[in-house]
Protein backbone atom coordinates (compact mmCIF):
# COMPACT_ATOMS: atom_id res chain seq x y z
CA MET A 1 107.38 126.87 79.61
CA ASN A 2 104.04 125.53 80.06
CA ILE A 3 102.96 122.02 81.56
CA LEU A 4 102.15 120.52 78.03
CA ASP A 5 105.55 121.59 76.38
CA GLN A 6 107.35 120.07 79.35
CA PHE A 7 105.70 116.87 78.81
CA LEU A 8 106.06 116.99 75.09
CA GLY A 9 110.00 117.26 75.36
CA ALA A 10 110.31 114.93 77.93
CA CYS A 11 108.80 112.58 75.39
CA ARG A 12 111.08 113.62 72.64
CA ALA A 13 114.21 113.89 75.10
CA TYR A 14 113.38 110.24 76.19
CA GLY A 15 112.78 109.14 72.44
CA ASN A 16 115.72 110.37 71.25
CA TYR A 17 117.95 108.63 74.71
CA LEU A 18 115.98 105.28 73.47
CA TRP A 19 117.25 105.74 69.83
CA LYS A 20 120.87 105.93 71.29
CA GLU A 21 120.28 103.03 73.00
CA ILE A 22 119.01 101.24 70.11
CA THR A 23 121.75 102.15 67.80
CA PHE A 24 124.43 101.85 70.64
CA GLN A 25 125.33 105.70 71.16
CA THR A 26 124.77 105.63 74.83
CA ASN A 27 127.69 107.43 77.14
CA PRO A 28 129.09 105.25 78.82
CA TRP A 29 128.27 102.40 76.80
CA TYR A 30 127.12 100.48 79.87
CA VAL A 31 124.06 102.74 80.33
CA ASN A 32 122.07 100.87 77.87
CA TYR A 33 118.97 99.23 79.48
CA PHE A 34 117.35 98.43 76.16
CA PHE A 35 119.76 95.82 75.26
CA TYR A 36 120.78 95.03 78.65
CA LEU A 37 117.08 93.56 79.28
CA ILE A 38 117.33 91.75 75.86
CA ALA A 39 120.51 89.80 76.77
CA LEU A 40 119.49 89.25 80.44
CA SER A 41 116.26 87.73 78.98
CA LEU A 42 117.86 85.50 76.38
CA LEU A 43 120.43 84.25 79.06
CA VAL A 44 117.48 83.52 81.60
CA TRP A 45 115.65 81.72 78.95
CA VAL A 46 118.34 79.97 78.08
CA ILE A 47 118.93 78.35 81.61
CA GLU A 48 115.11 78.09 81.86
CA ILE A 49 115.19 75.58 78.57
CA ALA A 50 118.73 73.94 80.04
CA PHE A 51 117.55 73.21 83.76
CA PRO A 52 113.76 73.60 83.77
CA TRP A 53 111.81 73.19 87.75
CA ARG A 54 108.76 72.55 85.53
CA LYS A 55 109.73 69.87 83.42
CA ASP A 56 106.60 69.60 81.49
CA GLN A 57 105.95 73.51 80.89
CA LYS A 58 106.36 74.22 77.22
CA VAL A 59 109.46 76.48 76.16
CA PHE A 60 106.89 78.74 75.16
CA ARG A 61 104.77 78.54 78.02
CA LYS A 62 100.99 80.28 78.14
CA ASP A 63 101.14 83.87 77.34
CA PHE A 64 104.52 84.10 76.46
CA TRP A 65 104.33 86.59 73.74
CA LEU A 66 101.89 88.58 76.18
CA ASP A 67 104.43 88.98 78.52
CA THR A 68 107.09 89.55 76.34
CA TRP A 69 105.32 92.59 74.58
CA TYR A 70 104.52 93.72 78.78
CA MET A 71 108.30 93.70 78.96
CA PHE A 72 109.05 96.04 76.45
CA PHE A 73 105.85 98.23 76.61
CA ASN A 74 106.55 98.79 80.51
CA PHE A 75 109.74 99.39 79.90
CA PHE A 76 110.13 101.85 76.82
CA VAL A 77 106.77 102.45 75.10
CA PHE A 78 104.90 103.43 78.33
CA LYS A 79 107.81 105.86 78.90
CA LEU A 80 108.14 107.25 75.37
CA ILE A 81 104.29 108.07 75.32
CA PHE A 82 103.61 109.16 78.87
CA PHE A 83 105.69 108.36 82.08
CA ALA A 84 108.75 110.46 80.74
CA GLY A 85 106.67 113.45 80.40
CA LEU A 86 104.80 112.78 83.56
CA ALA A 87 108.39 112.46 85.62
CA LYS A 88 109.46 115.71 84.25
CA ILE A 89 106.09 117.56 85.52
CA THR A 90 106.48 115.55 88.70
CA SER A 91 110.21 116.38 89.29
CA THR A 92 109.97 120.17 88.39
CA SER A 93 106.90 120.80 90.70
CA PHE A 94 109.15 118.90 93.50
CA ALA A 95 112.15 121.37 92.94
CA LYS A 96 109.73 124.49 92.96
CA LEU A 97 108.31 122.88 96.19
CA LEU A 98 111.91 122.96 97.67
CA ASN A 99 112.45 126.09 95.95
CA GLY A 100 114.84 124.51 93.53
CA ASP A 101 117.04 122.70 96.10
CA THR A 102 116.25 119.01 95.70
CA GLN A 103 118.89 118.24 98.65
CA VAL A 104 117.21 120.56 101.34
CA VAL A 105 115.41 117.29 102.76
CA SER A 106 118.24 114.78 102.69
CA LEU A 107 118.54 112.73 105.60
CA LEU A 108 121.70 110.91 104.63
CA GLU A 109 124.86 111.93 102.58
CA LEU A 110 126.46 109.37 101.04
CA ARG A 111 129.33 110.96 99.16
CA THR A 112 131.76 110.49 101.94
CA LEU A 113 131.11 106.62 101.90
CA PRO A 114 133.04 104.17 99.83
CA TYR A 115 131.34 103.45 96.55
CA TRP A 116 130.34 99.93 97.49
CA LEU A 117 128.55 101.17 100.66
CA GLN A 118 126.96 103.62 98.86
CA VAL A 119 125.45 100.98 96.33
CA VAL A 120 124.46 98.57 99.29
CA ILE A 121 122.50 101.61 101.29
CA PHE A 122 120.75 102.93 98.34
CA PHE A 123 119.87 99.18 97.34
CA LEU A 124 118.37 98.76 100.71
CA ALA A 125 116.46 101.66 100.59
CA MET A 126 115.02 101.04 97.48
CA ASP A 127 113.92 97.56 98.05
CA PHE A 128 112.27 98.49 101.27
CA ILE A 129 110.21 101.60 99.85
CA GLN A 130 109.52 98.88 96.96
CA TRP A 131 108.24 96.59 99.50
CA CYS A 132 106.16 98.44 101.01
CA VAL A 133 104.51 99.59 98.00
CA HIS A 134 103.76 96.03 97.18
CA ASN A 135 102.37 95.33 100.07
CA LEU A 136 99.88 98.18 99.58
CA LEU A 137 98.96 96.65 96.21
CA HIS A 138 97.60 94.01 97.72
CA ARG A 139 95.64 95.52 100.77
CA VAL A 140 94.13 98.14 98.92
CA PRO A 141 91.05 96.99 96.98
CA PHE A 142 91.49 99.81 94.38
CA LEU A 143 95.13 99.48 94.03
CA TRP A 144 94.80 95.14 93.78
CA ASN A 145 92.64 95.69 90.70
CA PHE A 146 95.71 96.91 88.82
CA HIS A 147 97.92 94.27 90.77
CA LYS A 148 96.02 91.91 88.97
CA VAL A 149 97.35 92.18 85.89
CA HIS A 150 100.31 90.69 87.11
CA HIS A 151 98.80 88.06 89.33
CA SER A 152 97.01 87.06 86.21
CA VAL A 153 100.03 84.69 85.27
CA GLU A 154 99.43 80.97 84.96
CA GLU A 155 102.65 79.78 84.38
CA MET A 156 105.62 81.23 85.63
CA GLY A 157 108.63 82.31 83.49
CA TYR A 158 111.28 85.10 83.54
CA ALA A 159 108.69 87.55 81.30
CA ALA A 160 106.47 87.41 83.87
CA HIS A 161 108.43 89.53 85.90
CA LEU A 162 107.32 92.21 83.61
CA ARG A 163 103.76 91.80 83.59
CA TYR A 164 102.19 94.57 85.00
CA HIS A 165 100.00 97.19 84.79
CA TRP A 166 101.40 100.46 83.76
CA MET A 167 99.66 102.18 86.61
CA GLU A 168 102.23 100.21 89.09
CA THR A 169 104.93 102.42 87.27
CA VAL A 170 102.99 105.69 88.53
CA LEU A 171 102.87 104.09 92.03
CA TYR A 172 106.37 102.98 92.39
CA GLU A 173 107.97 105.75 91.01
CA PRO A 174 107.14 108.61 93.06
CA ALA A 175 108.39 106.51 96.10
CA LYS A 176 111.79 105.56 94.37
CA TYR A 177 112.11 109.34 93.74
CA MET A 178 111.47 109.92 97.34
CA ILE A 179 114.34 108.14 98.08
CA LEU A 180 116.64 110.14 95.82
CA LEU A 181 115.62 113.17 97.60
CA LEU A 182 115.94 111.74 100.97
CA ILE A 183 119.32 110.39 100.44
CA GLY A 184 121.97 112.54 99.06
CA GLY A 185 125.46 112.54 97.58
CA PHE A 186 125.41 109.10 96.35
CA ALA A 187 127.63 108.30 92.95
CA PRO A 188 125.14 108.41 90.17
CA SER A 189 126.38 105.32 88.37
CA SER A 190 125.12 103.20 91.41
CA VAL A 191 121.59 104.02 90.48
CA PHE A 192 122.47 102.06 87.12
CA VAL A 193 124.34 99.26 89.46
CA VAL A 194 121.04 98.92 91.63
CA TYR A 195 118.70 98.97 88.67
CA TYR A 196 120.93 96.14 86.84
CA ILE A 197 120.86 94.09 89.95
CA ASN A 198 116.95 94.56 90.60
CA ILE A 199 116.17 93.58 87.19
CA ALA A 200 118.37 90.59 87.18
CA ILE A 201 116.84 89.14 90.38
CA GLY A 202 113.53 90.00 89.21
CA HIS A 203 113.99 87.82 86.24
CA PHE A 204 115.18 84.76 88.14
CA ASN A 205 112.41 84.95 90.69
CA HIS A 206 110.16 84.50 88.12
CA ALA A 207 112.07 81.89 85.99
CA ASN A 208 110.99 78.43 85.68
CA ILE A 209 114.31 77.50 87.70
CA ASN A 210 114.80 75.74 91.05
CA LEU A 211 117.03 78.19 92.82
CA ASP A 212 117.05 78.02 96.66
CA TYR A 213 120.27 79.79 97.45
CA GLY A 214 120.66 78.07 100.90
CA PRO A 215 120.96 80.18 103.81
CA LEU A 216 120.77 83.12 101.61
CA ARG A 217 117.16 82.70 100.99
CA TYR A 218 116.57 84.31 104.23
CA ILE A 219 117.89 87.52 102.70
CA LEU A 220 117.53 86.92 98.92
CA ASN A 221 114.05 86.61 97.19
CA ASN A 222 114.20 83.29 95.17
CA PRO A 223 111.66 81.47 92.75
CA ARG A 224 110.93 78.80 95.57
CA MET A 225 109.58 81.68 97.80
CA HIS A 226 108.41 83.92 95.18
CA ILE A 227 105.95 81.21 93.50
CA TRP A 228 104.10 81.26 96.71
CA HIS A 229 103.71 85.00 96.11
CA HIS A 230 101.71 83.87 92.99
CA ALA A 231 99.29 81.15 94.77
CA LYS A 232 95.69 80.82 93.73
CA GLU A 233 94.50 79.71 97.10
CA LEU A 234 95.88 82.08 99.84
CA PRO A 235 96.23 80.08 103.54
CA PRO A 236 94.04 81.70 106.02
CA THR A 237 97.16 83.28 107.87
CA HIS A 238 97.88 85.21 104.93
CA THR A 239 94.49 86.60 103.38
CA LYS A 240 96.08 89.55 102.18
CA GLY A 241 98.91 88.00 100.32
CA MET A 242 102.84 87.07 101.43
CA ASN A 243 106.29 86.93 100.16
CA PHE A 244 106.03 90.56 99.05
CA GLY A 245 109.67 91.21 98.38
CA ILE A 246 111.00 92.62 95.39
CA SER A 247 114.74 91.48 95.61
CA LEU A 248 115.12 90.72 99.25
CA SER A 249 113.15 88.16 101.26
CA VAL A 250 114.42 89.57 104.39
CA TRP A 251 111.43 92.13 105.01
CA ASP A 252 108.82 89.41 105.01
CA TYR A 253 111.13 87.61 107.65
CA ILE A 254 111.31 90.66 109.75
CA PHE A 255 107.46 91.54 109.40
CA ARG A 256 106.34 87.96 109.38
CA THR A 257 104.79 88.02 105.90
CA ASN A 258 106.89 85.33 104.58
CA TYR A 259 105.20 81.62 103.74
CA MET A 260 106.68 78.69 101.97
CA PRO A 261 105.39 75.51 103.42
CA LYS A 262 106.76 73.13 101.06
CA ASP A 263 107.63 72.94 97.59
CA GLY A 264 105.60 75.14 95.49
CA ARG A 265 106.71 73.97 91.77
CA ASP A 266 103.15 72.73 90.84
CA ILE A 267 100.78 74.77 92.75
CA GLN A 268 98.12 76.61 90.80
CA LEU A 269 98.63 80.39 90.05
CA GLY A 270 96.75 83.18 89.53
CA PHE A 271 93.72 84.30 91.83
CA PRO A 272 90.28 83.00 92.58
CA ASP A 273 87.85 85.05 89.84
CA MET A 274 90.51 84.24 87.08
CA LYS A 275 87.88 83.15 84.59
CA LYS A 276 86.61 86.44 84.60
CA PHE A 277 89.73 88.34 83.95
CA PRO A 278 90.50 89.24 80.43
CA SER A 279 93.51 87.25 78.33
CA SER A 280 94.27 90.03 75.98
CA PHE A 281 96.43 93.15 76.71
CA LEU A 282 94.49 95.77 76.17
CA GLY A 283 91.49 94.18 78.03
CA GLN A 284 93.80 93.52 80.89
CA ILE A 285 94.61 97.38 80.58
CA ILE A 286 91.23 98.72 80.91
CA TYR A 287 90.01 95.82 83.55
CA PRO A 288 90.75 98.29 86.27
CA ILE A 289 88.36 100.69 84.98
CA ASN A 290 85.56 98.29 83.87
CA LYS A 291 85.84 96.72 87.40
CA LYS A 292 85.47 99.98 89.34
CA LYS A 293 82.31 100.43 87.25
């Protein structure tokens, strides 16, 4: 099978799987990202409406529908038209490189550990590698041009979580795949559990909700901390950004990239040259290419 056939076959397979999700045919039933995302989004949105942190922010905040489209595009449309095929080609290439044995480089076997410990280790490994990638998105100018899409949010809400350029998926997913190679023997369902937890935490971190978690804020990322990550004006001590944690804040405290000087409820969000940044979906998608030119 040539590369094009692999690509198209993987896209068709994902399309069939997505249709099963939409028509409630997934097995097991809980592996249904489509309706999980919808249910989670509605739940967090209702909490935002009932207990808003920024009380003057509208229910349909600025770019609400743009962010909603980003959610479905990045999670489903992009995978259908491109990423499922790319992932198949990448995984096949890795398998050939390792002579078909994807476990040959495993550094840690989890199969003998209790299930809950497998989930914890997998969650920590995934979150740390994402923290590293997120850090690079801010420190490498070429990557920052793509990451600007996420930082173009001017009013925070749950859907802002998934406003990002599709190129970020291309960067994050291979890093996650390496974790799958390096850590072997974990229960497959742990992948779904960690995935669900990450999406939920990300939604709450971007929501218009006043959550602090008390002492747990030094471990878990939270809206009061994450809003500073989106601050328009960066402090002299953190010129490349701060609070890079995805689900956990502990990495920022360990590597001293944490920053939360006061209540950031009403700070300006974005970046200095926001006026030059496109407001449309298509404009934001092609922005990094135009910027390079």
